[in-house]
Amino acid sequence: MSTASARERLIGAAQDLFAVQGVGATSPRAVLAASGVGQGSLYHHFPTKHDLAVAAVGATVDDALAQAMRTLDSGSPAIERLVAYLERPREALAGCKVGRHTSDQAVMDDDGLRDVLNAYFVRLLGVITRIFRETGLPDDVARDRAHAALAIIQGGYVLARATQDPDALTAAVRGFVGLLTQKETT
């Protein structure tokens, strides 16, 4: 196994385990077992659990941002891009891999890890705000709508997990999209 592939396997295993169990509850031993790499590789690439957590949470954020940007930065009209982002298929019962880290006290107590999450949400809010501005909304209204759009996704995940109903996320998105796209009546 090459050095690069061992590092990638460790990060991938950590991402999966952190998404399910949280950073605080996941031991380096569990990451080793899930990755199939040797202990020497773990400590060569990540001398501390914190180093592994920074790499894995960072990779999760990078993956999520890349996926969001493929839709949000496409050449389609503004509202079409936003609706495509909101309506894209999601594993509702799994929850948002980034959003779930906000309920992990080990992440929120660590300035570096919390900063990674903060940067994700700030960037996503900025892009969605820009899209709403493209529709002619003033800055403050565009910012408020961006917060609402992102809250619909995060809240939809929470409702789906709490009720064990994946349609809860779909219904939340459908309701918000309906509000976005409804025609003004006079």
C-alpha atoms as a PDB file:
ATOM      1  CA  MET A   1       0.000   0.000   0.000  1.00  0.00           C
ATOM      2  CA  SER A   2       1.431   3.409  -0.912  1.00  0.00           C
ATOM      3  CA  THR A   3       1.858   6.135   1.683  1.00  0.00           C
ATOM      4  CA  ALA A   4      -0.732   8.349  -0.043  1.00  0.00           C
ATOM      5  CA  SER A   5      -3.351   5.621  -0.130  1.00  0.00           C
ATOM      6  CA  ALA A   6      -2.822   4.836   3.580  1.00  0.00           C
ATOM      7  CA  ARG A   7      -3.402   8.511   4.434  1.00  0.00           C
ATOM      8  CA  GLU A   8      -6.513   8.665   2.252  1.00  0.00           C
ATOM      9  CA  ARG A   9      -7.879   5.454   3.790  1.00  0.00           C
ATOM     10  CA  LEU A  10      -7.341   6.812   7.292  1.00  0.00           C
ATOM     11  CA  ILE A  11      -9.089  10.070   6.435  1.00  0.00           C
ATOM     12  CA  GLY A  12     -11.966   8.251   4.725  1.00  0.00           C
ATOM     13  CA  ALA A  13     -12.445   5.874   7.657  1.00  0.00           C
ATOM     14  CA  ALA A  14     -12.315   8.785  10.110  1.00  0.00           C
ATOM     15  CA  GLN A  15     -14.858  10.755   8.054  1.00  0.00           C
ATOM     16  CA  ASP A  16     -17.295   7.834   8.095  1.00  0.00           C
ATOM     17  CA  LEU A  17     -16.857   7.113  11.797  1.00  0.00           C
ATOM     18  CA  PHE A  18     -16.971  10.776  12.821  1.00  0.00           C
ATOM     19  CA  ALA A  19     -20.224  11.235  10.872  1.00  0.00           C
ATOM     20  CA  VAL A  20     -21.855   8.361  12.744  1.00  0.00           C
ATOM     21  CA  GLN A  21     -20.237   8.450  16.200  1.00  0.00           C
ATOM     22  CA  GLY A  22     -18.738  11.914  16.430  1.00  0.00           C
ATOM     23  CA  VAL A  23     -15.126  12.922  16.857  1.00  0.00           C
ATOM     24  CA  GLY A  24     -15.191  12.659  20.644  1.00  0.00           C
ATOM     25  CA  ALA A  25     -16.561   9.116  20.685  1.00  0.00           C
ATOM     26  CA  THR A  26     -14.277   7.732  17.962  1.00  0.00           C
ATOM     27  CA  SER A  27     -10.961   6.263  19.014  1.00  0.00           C
ATOM     28  CA  PRO A  28      -7.850   6.096  16.834  1.00  0.00           C
ATOM     29  CA  ARG A  29      -8.066   2.308  17.266  1.00  0.00           C
ATOM     30  CA  ALA A  30     -11.525   2.321  15.644  1.00  0.00           C
ATOM     31  CA  VAL A  31     -10.181   4.376  12.730  1.00  0.00           C
ATOM     32  CA  LEU A  32      -7.312   1.910  12.342  1.00  0.00           C
ATOM     33  CA  ALA A  33      -9.701  -1.043  12.290  1.00  0.00           C
ATOM     34  CA  ALA A  34     -12.007   0.622   9.762  1.00  0.00           C
ATOM     35  CA  SER A  35      -9.180   1.757   7.498  1.00  0.00           C
ATOM     36  CA  GLY A  36      -7.255  -1.490   7.436  1.00  0.00           C
ATOM     37  CA  VAL A  37      -3.911   0.299   7.694  1.00  0.00           C
ATOM     38  CA  GLY A  38      -1.211  -0.295  10.265  1.00  0.00           C
ATOM     39  CA  GLN A  39      -0.682   1.644  13.450  1.00  0.00           C
ATOM     40  CA  GLY A  40       2.638   2.963  12.162  1.00  0.00           C
ATOM     41  CA  SER A  41       0.862   4.592   9.204  1.00  0.00           C
ATOM     42  CA  LEU A  42      -1.624   6.283  11.497  1.00  0.00           C
ATOM     43  CA  TYR A  43       1.036   7.887  13.652  1.00  0.00           C
ATOM     44  CA  HIS A  44       3.241   8.679  10.659  1.00  0.00           C
ATOM     45  CA  HIS A  45       0.477  10.722   9.021  1.00  0.00           C
ATOM     46  CA  PHE A  46      -1.371  11.871  12.138  1.00  0.00           C
ATOM     47  CA  PRO A  47       0.761  12.064  15.290  1.00  0.00           C
ATOM     48  CA  THR A  48      -2.345  12.990  17.340  1.00  0.00           C
ATOM     49  CA  LYS A  49      -6.053  12.314  17.182  1.00  0.00           C
ATOM     50  CA  HIS A  50      -6.501  16.057  16.769  1.00  0.00           C
ATOM     51  CA  ASP A  51      -4.387  16.005  13.598  1.00  0.00           C
ATOM     52  CA  LEU A  52      -6.594  13.225  12.221  1.00  0.00           C
ATOM     53  CA  ALA A  53      -9.761  15.096  13.224  1.00  0.00           C
ATOM     54  CA  VAL A  54      -8.609  18.296  11.491  1.00  0.00           C
ATOM     55  CA  ALA A  55      -7.838  16.354   8.301  1.00  0.00           C
ATOM     56  CA  ALA A  56     -11.067  14.338   8.337  1.00  0.00           C
ATOM     57  CA  VAL A  57     -13.430  17.180   9.260  1.00  0.00           C
ATOM     58  CA  GLY A  58     -11.642  19.368   6.716  1.00  0.00           C
ATOM     59  CA  ALA A  59     -12.083  16.705   4.032  1.00  0.00           C
ATOM     60  CA  THR A  60     -15.780  16.362   4.896  1.00  0.00           C
ATOM     61  CA  VAL A  61     -16.223  20.134   4.564  1.00  0.00           C
ATOM     62  CA  ASP A  62     -14.245  20.227   1.306  1.00  0.00           C
ATOM     63  CA  ASP A  63     -16.346  17.388  -0.153  1.00  0.00           C
ATOM     64  CA  ALA A  64     -19.620  19.058   0.864  1.00  0.00           C
ATOM     65  CA  LEU A  65     -18.568  22.453  -0.511  1.00  0.00           C
ATOM     66  CA  ALA A  66     -17.412  20.950  -3.800  1.00  0.00           C
ATOM     67  CA  GLN A  67     -20.725  19.166  -4.221  1.00  0.00           C
ATOM     68  CA  ALA A  68     -22.717  22.315  -3.392  1.00  0.00           C
ATOM     69  CA  MET A  69     -20.627  24.523  -5.686  1.00  0.00           C
ATOM     70  CA  ARG A  70     -21.157  22.239  -8.685  1.00  0.00           C
ATOM     71  CA  THR A  71     -24.808  23.269  -8.555  1.00  0.00           C
ATOM     72  CA  LEU A  72     -24.635  26.762  -7.084  1.00  0.00           C
ATOM     73  CA  ASP A  73     -21.899  27.996  -9.442  1.00  0.00           C
ATOM     74  CA  SER A  74     -23.375  26.520 -12.615  1.00  0.00           C
ATOM     75  CA  GLY A  75     -24.394  28.827 -15.454  1.00  0.00           C
ATOM     76  CA  SER A  76     -28.137  28.431 -14.880  1.00  0.00           C
ATOM     77  CA  PRO A  77     -30.393  31.311 -13.840  1.00  0.00           C
ATOM     78  CA  ALA A  78     -30.154  32.182 -10.133  1.00  0.00           C
ATOM     79  CA  ILE A  79     -33.360  30.643  -8.802  1.00  0.00           C
ATOM     80  CA  GLU A  80     -32.861  27.494 -10.924  1.00  0.00           C
ATOM     81  CA  ARG A  81     -29.413  27.016  -9.356  1.00  0.00           C
ATOM     82  CA  LEU A  82     -30.797  27.486  -5.872  1.00  0.00           C
ATOM     83  CA  VAL A  83     -33.737  25.141  -6.452  1.00  0.00           C
ATOM     84  CA  ALA A  84     -31.387  22.513  -7.931  1.00  0.00           C
ATOM     85  CA  TYR A  85     -29.191  22.781  -4.824  1.00  0.00           C
ATOM     86  CA  LEU A  86     -32.156  22.505  -2.472  1.00  0.00           C
ATOM     87  CA  GLU A  87     -33.776  19.627  -4.360  1.00  0.00           C
ATOM     88  CA  ARG A  88     -30.677  17.531  -5.007  1.00  0.00           C
ATOM     89  CA  PRO A  89     -30.913  14.000  -3.630  1.00  0.00           C
ATOM     90  CA  ARG A  90     -29.741  13.685  -0.027  1.00  0.00           C
ATOM     91  CA  GLU A  91     -29.562  10.800   2.413  1.00  0.00           C
ATOM     92  CA  ALA A  92     -32.052  12.381   4.804  1.00  0.00           C
ATOM     93  CA  LEU A  93     -31.828   9.756   7.537  1.00  0.00           C
ATOM     94  CA  ALA A  94     -28.027   9.879   7.569  1.00  0.00           C
ATOM     95  CA  GLY A  95     -28.090  13.591   8.308  1.00  0.00           C
ATOM     96  CA  CYS A  96     -25.726  16.236   7.032  1.00  0.00           C
ATOM     97  CA  LYS A  97     -22.152  15.109   7.639  1.00  0.00           C
ATOM     98  CA  VAL A  98     -21.069  18.688   8.257  1.00  0.00           C
ATOM     99  CA  GLY A  99     -24.122  19.759  10.235  1.00  0.00           C
ATOM    100  CA  ARG A 100     -23.867  16.745  12.540  1.00  0.00           C
ATOM    101  CA  HIS A 101     -20.448  17.951  13.702  1.00  0.00           C
ATOM    102  CA  THR A 102     -22.131  20.992  15.270  1.00  0.00           C
ATOM    103  CA  SER A 103     -23.681  18.709  17.900  1.00  0.00           C
ATOM    104  CA  ASP A 104     -20.349  17.030  18.692  1.00  0.00           C
ATOM    105  CA  GLN A 105     -19.028  18.748  21.802  1.00  0.00           C
ATOM    106  CA  ALA A 106     -15.464  17.641  21.018  1.00  0.00           C
ATOM    107  CA  VAL A 107     -15.673  19.605  17.759  1.00  0.00           C
ATOM    108  CA  MET A 108     -17.383  22.653  19.185  1.00  0.00           C
ATOM    109  CA  ASP A 109     -14.915  22.881  22.092  1.00  0.00           C
ATOM    110  CA  ASP A 110     -11.947  22.879  19.693  1.00  0.00           C
ATOM    111  CA  ASP A 111     -11.291  26.282  18.118  1.00  0.00           C
ATOM    112  CA  GLY A 112      -9.616  24.796  15.030  1.00  0.00           C
ATOM    113  CA  LEU A 113     -12.378  22.282  14.293  1.00  0.00           C
ATOM    114  CA  ARG A 114     -15.131  24.794  15.035  1.00  0.00           C
ATOM    115  CA  ASP A 115     -13.423  27.263  12.688  1.00  0.00           C
ATOM    116  CA  VAL A 116     -13.541  24.673   9.879  1.00  0.00           C
ATOM    117  CA  LEU A 117     -17.316  24.331  10.353  1.00  0.00           C
ATOM    118  CA  ASN A 118     -17.753  28.077  10.617  1.00  0.00           C
ATOM    119  CA  ALA A 119     -15.873  28.619   7.357  1.00  0.00           C
ATOM    120  CA  TYR A 120     -18.114  26.064   5.611  1.00  0.00           C
ATOM    121  CA  PHE A 121     -21.359  27.693   6.684  1.00  0.00           C
ATOM    122  CA  VAL A 122     -20.066  31.245   6.090  1.00  0.00           C
ATOM    123  CA  ARG A 123     -18.946  30.328   2.566  1.00  0.00           C
ATOM    124  CA  LEU A 124     -22.198  28.559   1.738  1.00  0.00           C
ATOM    125  CA  LEU A 125     -24.259  31.446   3.128  1.00  0.00           C
ATOM    126  CA  GLY A 126     -22.183  33.878   1.081  1.00  0.00           C
ATOM    127  CA  VAL A 127     -22.772  31.984  -2.156  1.00  0.00           C
ATOM    128  CA  ILE A 128     -26.504  31.598  -1.516  1.00  0.00           C
ATOM    129  CA  THR A 129     -26.761  35.291  -0.531  1.00  0.00           C
ATOM    130  CA  ARG A 130     -25.062  36.233  -3.808  1.00  0.00           C
ATOM    131  CA  ILE A 131     -27.591  34.118  -5.715  1.00  0.00           C
ATOM    132  CA  PHE A 132     -30.497  35.887  -4.025  1.00  0.00           C
ATOM    133  CA  ARG A 133     -28.849  39.241  -4.818  1.00  0.00           C
ATOM    134  CA  GLU A 134     -28.753  38.200  -8.482  1.00  0.00           C
ATOM    135  CA  THR A 135     -32.568  38.101  -8.382  1.00  0.00           C
ATOM    136  CA  GLY A 136     -32.627  41.786  -7.437  1.00  0.00           C
ATOM    137  CA  LEU A 137     -33.141  41.457  -3.695  1.00  0.00           C
ATOM    138  CA  PRO A 138     -31.466  44.008  -1.424  1.00  0.00           C
ATOM    139  CA  ASP A 139     -28.453  42.751   0.573  1.00  0.00           C
ATOM    140  CA  ASP A 140     -30.266  42.350   3.910  1.00  0.00           C
ATOM    141  CA  VAL A 141     -33.203  40.461   2.385  1.00  0.00           C
ATOM    142  CA  ALA A 142     -30.864  38.264   0.310  1.00  0.00           C
ATOM    143  CA  ARG A 143     -28.881  37.418   3.455  1.00  0.00           C
ATOM    144  CA  ASP A 144     -32.038  36.558   5.406  1.00  0.00           C
ATOM    145  CA  ARG A 145     -33.280  34.310   2.587  1.00  0.00           C
ATOM    146  CA  ALA A 146     -29.899  32.585   2.397  1.00  0.00           C
ATOM    147  CA  HIS A 147     -30.108  31.796   6.105  1.00  0.00           C
ATOM    148  CA  ALA A 148     -33.645  30.478   5.617  1.00  0.00           C
ATOM    149  CA  ALA A 149     -32.592  28.274   2.680  1.00  0.00           C
ATOM    150  CA  LEU A 150     -29.709  26.733   4.594  1.00  0.00           C
ATOM    151  CA  ALA A 151     -31.877  26.329   7.708  1.00  0.00           C
ATOM    152  CA  ILE A 152     -34.448  24.440   5.614  1.00  0.00           C
ATOM    153  CA  ILE A 153     -31.812  21.876   4.650  1.00  0.00           C
ATOM    154  CA  GLN A 154     -30.320  21.516   8.130  1.00  0.00           C
ATOM    155  CA  GLY A 155     -33.724  21.495   9.817  1.00  0.00           C
ATOM    156  CA  GLY A 156     -35.074  19.040   7.264  1.00  0.00           C
ATOM    157  CA  TYR A 157     -32.262  16.634   8.144  1.00  0.00           C
ATOM    158  CA  VAL A 158     -33.107  16.967  11.842  1.00  0.00           C
ATOM    159  CA  LEU A 159     -36.820  16.359  11.237  1.00  0.00           C
ATOM    160  CA  ALA A 160     -36.111  13.364   9.010  1.00  0.00           C
ATOM    161  CA  ARG A 161     -33.827  11.783  11.605  1.00  0.00           C
ATOM    162  CA  ALA A 162     -36.140  12.554  14.533  1.00  0.00           C
ATOM    163  CA  THR A 163     -39.222  11.151  12.811  1.00  0.00           C
ATOM    164  CA  GLN A 164     -37.336   8.464  10.862  1.00  0.00           C
ATOM    165  CA  ASP A 165     -39.144   9.786   7.803  1.00  0.00           C
ATOM    166  CA  PRO A 166     -36.912  10.752   4.871  1.00  0.00           C
ATOM    167  CA  ASP A 167     -39.846  12.630   3.329  1.00  0.00           C
ATOM    168  CA  ALA A 168     -39.594  15.210   6.123  1.00  0.00           C
ATOM    169  CA  LEU A 169     -36.546  16.733   4.421  1.00  0.00           C
ATOM    170  CA  THR A 170     -38.214  16.514   1.021  1.00  0.00           C
ATOM    171  CA  ALA A 171     -41.376  18.172   2.372  1.00  0.00           C
ATOM    172  CA  ALA A 172     -39.387  21.001   3.992  1.00  0.00           C
ATOM    173  CA  VAL A 173     -37.551  21.678   0.733  1.00  0.00           C
ATOM    174  CA  ARG A 174     -40.737  21.408  -1.316  1.00  0.00           C
ATOM    175  CA  GLY A 175     -42.468  23.929   0.977  1.00  0.00           C
ATOM    176  CA  PHE A 176     -39.588  26.408   0.793  1.00  0.00           C
ATOM    177  CA  VAL A 177     -39.217  26.042  -2.979  1.00  0.00           C
ATOM    178  CA  GLY A 178     -42.956  26.631  -3.280  1.00  0.00           C
ATOM    179  CA  LEU A 179     -42.574  29.906  -1.414  1.00  0.00           C
ATOM    180  CA  LEU A 180     -39.606  30.910  -3.568  1.00  0.00           C
ATOM    181  CA  THR A 181     -41.282  30.190  -6.864  1.00  0.00           C
ATOM    182  CA  GLN A 182     -44.890  31.198  -6.194  1.00  0.00           C
ATOM    183  CA  LYS A 183     -46.212  33.980  -8.374  1.00  0.00           C
ATOM    184  CA  GLU A 184     -47.094  37.253  -6.715  1.00  0.00           C
ATOM    185  CA  THR A 185     -50.848  37.896  -6.793  1.00  0.00           C
ATOM    186  CA  THR A 186     -52.281  41.350  -6.828  1.00  0.00           C
END
